[in-house]
Amino acid sequence: MHGLDRLIACAGHWHGVNRLQDPNTGLPEESPTTATITPVLAARFVRIHYTWVYQGKEQEGSLLIGYETETTVATAYWIDSWHMGDKVMVCPGTVDEQGNLLVRGTFAAGDGPDWGWHIAITASEGHSFGFVMHNVEAGGREWLAVEAEYQRAEIRGRSAFHAKESSG
């Protein structure tokens, strides 16, 4: 089994709900979200591109994920218009026994020590998909930052992925 098999099984278009724990208000802000999961380079990598909304303005993000079979190391390269601006966060990690991706990155937090960012991506045999992101203070305190849950997008009674498969 390849470490990205569960994500590859989720290839296609998704829609759902994104919940940002708004650091400005301290309250969760819920918005619609879409995602497209695409196997890349003969399914050696997976790209997840997603959109969400913050205070009425559309945001987008992308994860390019690789998995080194020999070392069992997963690496995600994360960009997001609201969280990352023009920076890329490199997030090494693992894929657990259930096929969930667990990666961690760091970012500069002013003049103090770097803070951490954890991303957990769950996928279930192509039926469900979601991610949870946590912010981690330099001292180790962790709190929920983002939670997104997705269902397959439907096109005239069929999933968008299956409609694409049968048309090409």
C-alpha atoms as a PDB file:
ATOM      1  CA  MET A   1       0.000   0.000   0.000  1.00  0.00           C
ATOM      2  CA  HIS A   2       1.332   3.444  -0.975  1.00  0.00           C
ATOM      3  CA  GLY A   3       1.022   6.116   1.704  1.00  0.00           C
ATOM      4  CA  LEU A   4      -1.167   8.341  -0.474  1.00  0.00           C
ATOM      5  CA  ASP A   5      -3.647   5.663  -1.616  1.00  0.00           C
ATOM      6  CA  ARG A   6      -6.560   7.007   0.441  1.00  0.00           C
ATOM      7  CA  LEU A   7      -6.070  10.531  -0.873  1.00  0.00           C
ATOM      8  CA  ILE A   8      -5.693   9.262  -4.435  1.00  0.00           C
ATOM      9  CA  ALA A   9      -9.022   7.422  -4.008  1.00  0.00           C
ATOM     10  CA  CYS A  10     -10.526  10.848  -3.263  1.00  0.00           C
ATOM     11  CA  ALA A  11      -9.480  12.331  -6.603  1.00  0.00           C
ATOM     12  CA  GLY A  12     -12.164  14.665  -7.894  1.00  0.00           C
ATOM     13  CA  HIS A  13     -14.253  17.624  -6.802  1.00  0.00           C
ATOM     14  CA  TRP A  14     -15.592  18.213  -3.298  1.00  0.00           C
ATOM     15  CA  HIS A  15     -17.702  20.787  -1.441  1.00  0.00           C
ATOM     16  CA  GLY A  16     -18.337  21.343   2.231  1.00  0.00           C
ATOM     17  CA  VAL A  17     -18.014  23.600   5.242  1.00  0.00           C
ATOM     18  CA  ASN A  18     -14.883  25.381   6.481  1.00  0.00           C
ATOM     19  CA  ARG A  19     -14.668  26.594  10.086  1.00  0.00           C
ATOM     20  CA  LEU A  20     -11.950  29.124  10.838  1.00  0.00           C
ATOM     21  CA  GLN A  21     -11.331  29.933  14.485  1.00  0.00           C
ATOM     22  CA  ASP A  22     -11.062  33.655  13.798  1.00  0.00           C
ATOM     23  CA  PRO A  23      -8.095  35.058  15.763  1.00  0.00           C
ATOM     24  CA  ASN A  24      -9.555  38.569  15.454  1.00  0.00           C
ATOM     25  CA  THR A  25     -12.904  37.777  17.114  1.00  0.00           C
ATOM     26  CA  GLY A  26     -12.121  34.562  19.001  1.00  0.00           C
ATOM     27  CA  LEU A  27     -15.199  32.992  17.390  1.00  0.00           C
ATOM     28  CA  PRO A  28     -15.553  30.342  14.695  1.00  0.00           C
ATOM     29  CA  GLU A  29     -16.445  31.676  11.244  1.00  0.00           C
ATOM     30  CA  GLU A  30     -18.173  29.147   9.011  1.00  0.00           C
ATOM     31  CA  SER A  31     -18.074  29.392   5.219  1.00  0.00           C
ATOM     32  CA  PRO A  32     -18.617  27.254   2.142  1.00  0.00           C
ATOM     33  CA  THR A  33     -15.543  25.496   0.795  1.00  0.00           C
ATOM     34  CA  THR A  34     -14.625  23.561  -2.320  1.00  0.00           C
ATOM     35  CA  ALA A  35     -11.678  21.272  -2.965  1.00  0.00           C
ATOM     36  CA  THR A  36     -10.180  19.443  -5.906  1.00  0.00           C
ATOM     37  CA  ILE A  37      -7.891  16.483  -5.289  1.00  0.00           C
ATOM     38  CA  THR A  38      -5.601  15.616  -8.194  1.00  0.00           C
ATOM     39  CA  PRO A  39      -3.026  12.821  -8.456  1.00  0.00           C
ATOM     40  CA  VAL A  40       0.186  14.258  -9.972  1.00  0.00           C
ATOM     41  CA  LEU A  41       3.128  12.591 -11.771  1.00  0.00           C
ATOM     42  CA  ALA A  42       1.596   9.139 -12.177  1.00  0.00           C
ATOM     43  CA  ALA A  43       0.052   9.338  -8.675  1.00  0.00           C
ATOM     44  CA  ARG A  44       3.422   9.718  -6.933  1.00  0.00           C
ATOM     45  CA  PHE A  45       2.126  13.030  -5.532  1.00  0.00           C
ATOM     46  CA  VAL A  46      -1.291  14.478  -4.708  1.00  0.00           C
ATOM     47  CA  ARG A  47      -2.410  18.102  -5.001  1.00  0.00           C
ATOM     48  CA  ILE A  48      -5.298  19.430  -2.945  1.00  0.00           C
ATOM     49  CA  HIS A  49      -6.539  22.836  -4.062  1.00  0.00           C
ATOM     50  CA  TYR A  50      -9.269  24.416  -1.936  1.00  0.00           C
ATOM     51  CA  THR A  51     -11.294  27.605  -1.623  1.00  0.00           C
ATOM     52  CA  TRP A  52     -13.023  29.136   1.387  1.00  0.00           C
ATOM     53  CA  VAL A  53     -14.393  32.542   2.433  1.00  0.00           C
ATOM     54  CA  TYR A  54     -13.323  34.977   5.158  1.00  0.00           C
ATOM     55  CA  GLN A  55     -15.527  37.986   5.892  1.00  0.00           C
ATOM     56  CA  GLY A  56     -17.074  37.784   2.419  1.00  0.00           C
ATOM     57  CA  LYS A  57     -13.770  37.544   0.526  1.00  0.00           C
ATOM     58  CA  GLU A  58     -12.824  34.322  -1.273  1.00  0.00           C
ATOM     59  CA  GLN A  59      -9.580  32.722  -0.165  1.00  0.00           C
ATOM     60  CA  GLU A  60      -7.711  29.768  -1.626  1.00  0.00           C
ATOM     61  CA  GLY A  61      -5.016  27.346  -0.652  1.00  0.00           C
ATOM     62  CA  SER A  62      -3.114  24.385  -1.984  1.00  0.00           C
ATOM     63  CA  LEU A  63      -1.165  21.439  -0.656  1.00  0.00           C
ATOM     64  CA  LEU A  64       1.269  19.450  -2.760  1.00  0.00           C
ATOM     65  CA  ILE A  65       1.883  16.170  -0.945  1.00  0.00           C
ATOM     66  CA  GLY A  66       4.539  13.543  -1.498  1.00  0.00           C
ATOM     67  CA  TYR A  67       5.296  10.270   0.215  1.00  0.00           C
ATOM     68  CA  GLU A  68       8.687   8.550   0.248  1.00  0.00           C
ATOM     69  CA  THR A  69       7.934   4.831   0.450  1.00  0.00           C
ATOM     70  CA  GLU A  70      11.447   3.828   1.515  1.00  0.00           C
ATOM     71  CA  THR A  71      11.611   6.214   4.480  1.00  0.00           C
ATOM     72  CA  THR A  72       7.817   6.447   5.091  1.00  0.00           C
ATOM     73  CA  VAL A  73       8.113  10.234   5.254  1.00  0.00           C
ATOM     74  CA  ALA A  74       5.285  12.387   3.968  1.00  0.00           C
ATOM     75  CA  THR A  75       5.912  16.015   3.030  1.00  0.00           C
ATOM     76  CA  ALA A  76       3.313  18.680   2.301  1.00  0.00           C
ATOM     77  CA  TYR A  77       4.097  22.046   0.745  1.00  0.00           C
ATOM     78  CA  TRP A  78       1.335  24.391   1.910  1.00  0.00           C
ATOM     79  CA  ILE A  79       0.264  27.762   0.531  1.00  0.00           C
ATOM     80  CA  ASP A  80      -2.864  29.699   1.501  1.00  0.00           C
ATOM     81  CA  SER A  81      -3.863  33.231   0.513  1.00  0.00           C
ATOM     82  CA  TRP A  82      -4.970  34.195   4.035  1.00  0.00           C
ATOM     83  CA  HIS A  83      -2.712  32.143   6.302  1.00  0.00           C
ATOM     84  CA  MET A  84       0.557  32.147   4.364  1.00  0.00           C
ATOM     85  CA  GLY A  85       0.479  35.248   2.137  1.00  0.00           C
ATOM     86  CA  ASP A  86       3.402  34.809  -0.283  1.00  0.00           C
ATOM     87  CA  LYS A  87       5.262  32.174   1.752  1.00  0.00           C
ATOM     88  CA  VAL A  88       5.403  28.388   1.434  1.00  0.00           C
ATOM     89  CA  MET A  89       5.335  26.226   4.545  1.00  0.00           C
ATOM     90  CA  VAL A  90       7.190  22.921   4.262  1.00  0.00           C
ATOM     91  CA  CYS A  91       5.499  20.363   6.501  1.00  0.00           C
ATOM     92  CA  PRO A  92       7.165  16.961   7.003  1.00  0.00           C
ATOM     93  CA  GLY A  93       5.311  14.148   8.728  1.00  0.00           C
ATOM     94  CA  THR A  94       3.825  10.708   8.358  1.00  0.00           C
ATOM     95  CA  VAL A  95       0.860   8.727   7.140  1.00  0.00           C
ATOM     96  CA  ASP A  96      -0.692   6.685   9.953  1.00  0.00           C
ATOM     97  CA  GLU A  97      -2.001   3.103   9.729  1.00  0.00           C
ATOM     98  CA  GLN A  98      -5.479   4.357   8.745  1.00  0.00           C
ATOM     99  CA  GLY A  99      -4.044   6.380   5.843  1.00  0.00           C
ATOM    100  CA  ASN A 100      -4.388   9.792   7.534  1.00  0.00           C
ATOM    101  CA  LEU A 101      -1.741  12.380   6.711  1.00  0.00           C
ATOM    102  CA  LEU A 102      -0.167  14.091   9.745  1.00  0.00           C
ATOM    103  CA  VAL A 103       2.319  16.889   9.004  1.00  0.00           C
ATOM    104  CA  ARG A 104       3.882  19.788  10.915  1.00  0.00           C
ATOM    105  CA  GLY A 105       5.471  23.062   9.888  1.00  0.00           C
ATOM    106  CA  THR A 106       6.729  26.233  11.539  1.00  0.00           C
ATOM    107  CA  PHE A 107       6.413  29.936  10.858  1.00  0.00           C
ATOM    108  CA  ALA A 108       8.042  33.120  12.147  1.00  0.00           C
ATOM    109  CA  ALA A 109       6.059  34.819  14.902  1.00  0.00           C
ATOM    110  CA  GLY A 110       7.520  38.312  15.169  1.00  0.00           C
ATOM    111  CA  ASP A 111      10.717  38.698  17.208  1.00  0.00           C
ATOM    112  CA  GLY A 112      10.121  35.571  19.307  1.00  0.00           C
ATOM    113  CA  PRO A 113      10.672  31.913  18.559  1.00  0.00           C
ATOM    114  CA  ASP A 114       8.869  30.236  15.668  1.00  0.00           C
ATOM    115  CA  TRP A 115       5.365  28.873  16.159  1.00  0.00           C
ATOM    116  CA  GLY A 116       4.096  25.581  14.838  1.00  0.00           C
ATOM    117  CA  TRP A 117       1.302  24.502  12.524  1.00  0.00           C
ATOM    118  CA  HIS A 118      -0.158  20.986  12.396  1.00  0.00           C
ATOM    119  CA  ILE A 119      -2.261  19.648   9.534  1.00  0.00           C
ATOM    120  CA  ALA A 120      -4.177  16.368   9.717  1.00  0.00           C
ATOM    121  CA  ILE A 121      -5.899  15.188   6.532  1.00  0.00           C
ATOM    122  CA  THR A 122      -8.355  12.331   6.756  1.00  0.00           C
ATOM    123  CA  ALA A 123      -9.746  10.392   3.823  1.00  0.00           C
ATOM    124  CA  SER A 124     -11.975   7.349   3.857  1.00  0.00           C
ATOM    125  CA  GLU A 125     -11.922   5.116   0.771  1.00  0.00           C
ATOM    126  CA  GLY A 126     -13.021   7.974  -1.495  1.00  0.00           C
ATOM    127  CA  HIS A 127     -16.233   8.566   0.510  1.00  0.00           C
ATOM    128  CA  SER A 128     -15.197  11.380   2.806  1.00  0.00           C
ATOM    129  CA  PHE A 129     -12.379  13.839   3.120  1.00  0.00           C
ATOM    130  CA  GLY A 130     -11.430  16.567   5.561  1.00  0.00           C
ATOM    131  CA  PHE A 131      -8.672  18.389   7.307  1.00  0.00           C
ATOM    132  CA  VAL A 132      -7.975  19.893  10.698  1.00  0.00           C
ATOM    133  CA  MET A 133      -5.285  22.493  11.321  1.00  0.00           C
ATOM    134  CA  HIS A 134      -3.882  23.515  14.691  1.00  0.00           C
ATOM    135  CA  ASN A 135      -1.785  26.513  15.659  1.00  0.00           C
ATOM    136  CA  VAL A 136       0.988  25.837  18.196  1.00  0.00           C
ATOM    137  CA  GLU A 137       2.573  28.554  20.350  1.00  0.00           C
ATOM    138  CA  ALA A 138       6.326  28.479  20.884  1.00  0.00           C
ATOM    139  CA  GLY A 139       5.649  27.198  24.423  1.00  0.00           C
ATOM    140  CA  GLY A 140       3.724  24.202  23.075  1.00  0.00           C
ATOM    141  CA  ARG A 141       0.122  25.287  23.708  1.00  0.00           C
ATOM    142  CA  GLU A 142      -1.987  24.077  20.780  1.00  0.00           C
ATOM    143  CA  TRP A 143      -5.433  25.177  19.624  1.00  0.00           C
ATOM    144  CA  LEU A 144      -7.803  24.518  16.771  1.00  0.00           C
ATOM    145  CA  ALA A 145      -7.356  26.926  13.837  1.00  0.00           C
ATOM    146  CA  VAL A 146      -9.286  25.406  10.908  1.00  0.00           C
ATOM    147  CA  GLU A 147     -11.593  22.459  10.409  1.00  0.00           C
ATOM    148  CA  ALA A 148     -13.052  21.530   7.007  1.00  0.00           C
ATOM    149  CA  GLU A 149     -15.370  18.669   6.055  1.00  0.00           C
ATOM    150  CA  TYR A 150     -16.116  17.685   2.455  1.00  0.00           C
ATOM    151  CA  GLN A 151     -18.583  15.603   0.464  1.00  0.00           C
ATOM    152  CA  ARG A 152     -18.262  14.731  -3.220  1.00  0.00           C
ATOM    153  CA  ALA A 153     -19.634  17.394  -5.537  1.00  0.00           C
ATOM    154  CA  GLU A 154     -22.525  16.055  -7.610  1.00  0.00           C
ATOM    155  CA  ILE A 155     -23.154  16.722 -11.304  1.00  0.00           C
ATOM    156  CA  ARG A 156     -26.631  15.602 -12.440  1.00  0.00           C
ATOM    157  CA  GLY A 157     -26.791  12.725  -9.993  1.00  0.00           C
ATOM    158  CA  ARG A 158     -23.175  11.585 -10.439  1.00  0.00           C
ATOM    159  CA  SER A 159     -20.046  12.724  -8.684  1.00  0.00           C
ATOM    160  CA  ALA A 160     -17.982  15.260 -10.632  1.00  0.00           C
ATOM    161  CA  PHE A 161     -15.054  12.818 -10.722  1.00  0.00           C
ATOM    162  CA  HIS A 162     -17.121   9.977 -12.193  1.00  0.00           C
ATOM    163  CA  ALA A 163     -18.736  12.309 -14.758  1.00  0.00           C
ATOM    164  CA  LYS A 164     -15.240  13.355 -15.878  1.00  0.00           C
ATOM    165  CA  GLU A 165     -14.085   9.709 -16.063  1.00  0.00           C
ATOM    166  CA  SER A 166     -16.955   8.713 -18.344  1.00  0.00           C
ATOM    167  CA  SER A 167     -16.509  11.722 -20.635  1.00  0.00           C
ATOM    168  CA  GLY A 168     -12.822  11.323 -21.345  1.00  0.00           C
END
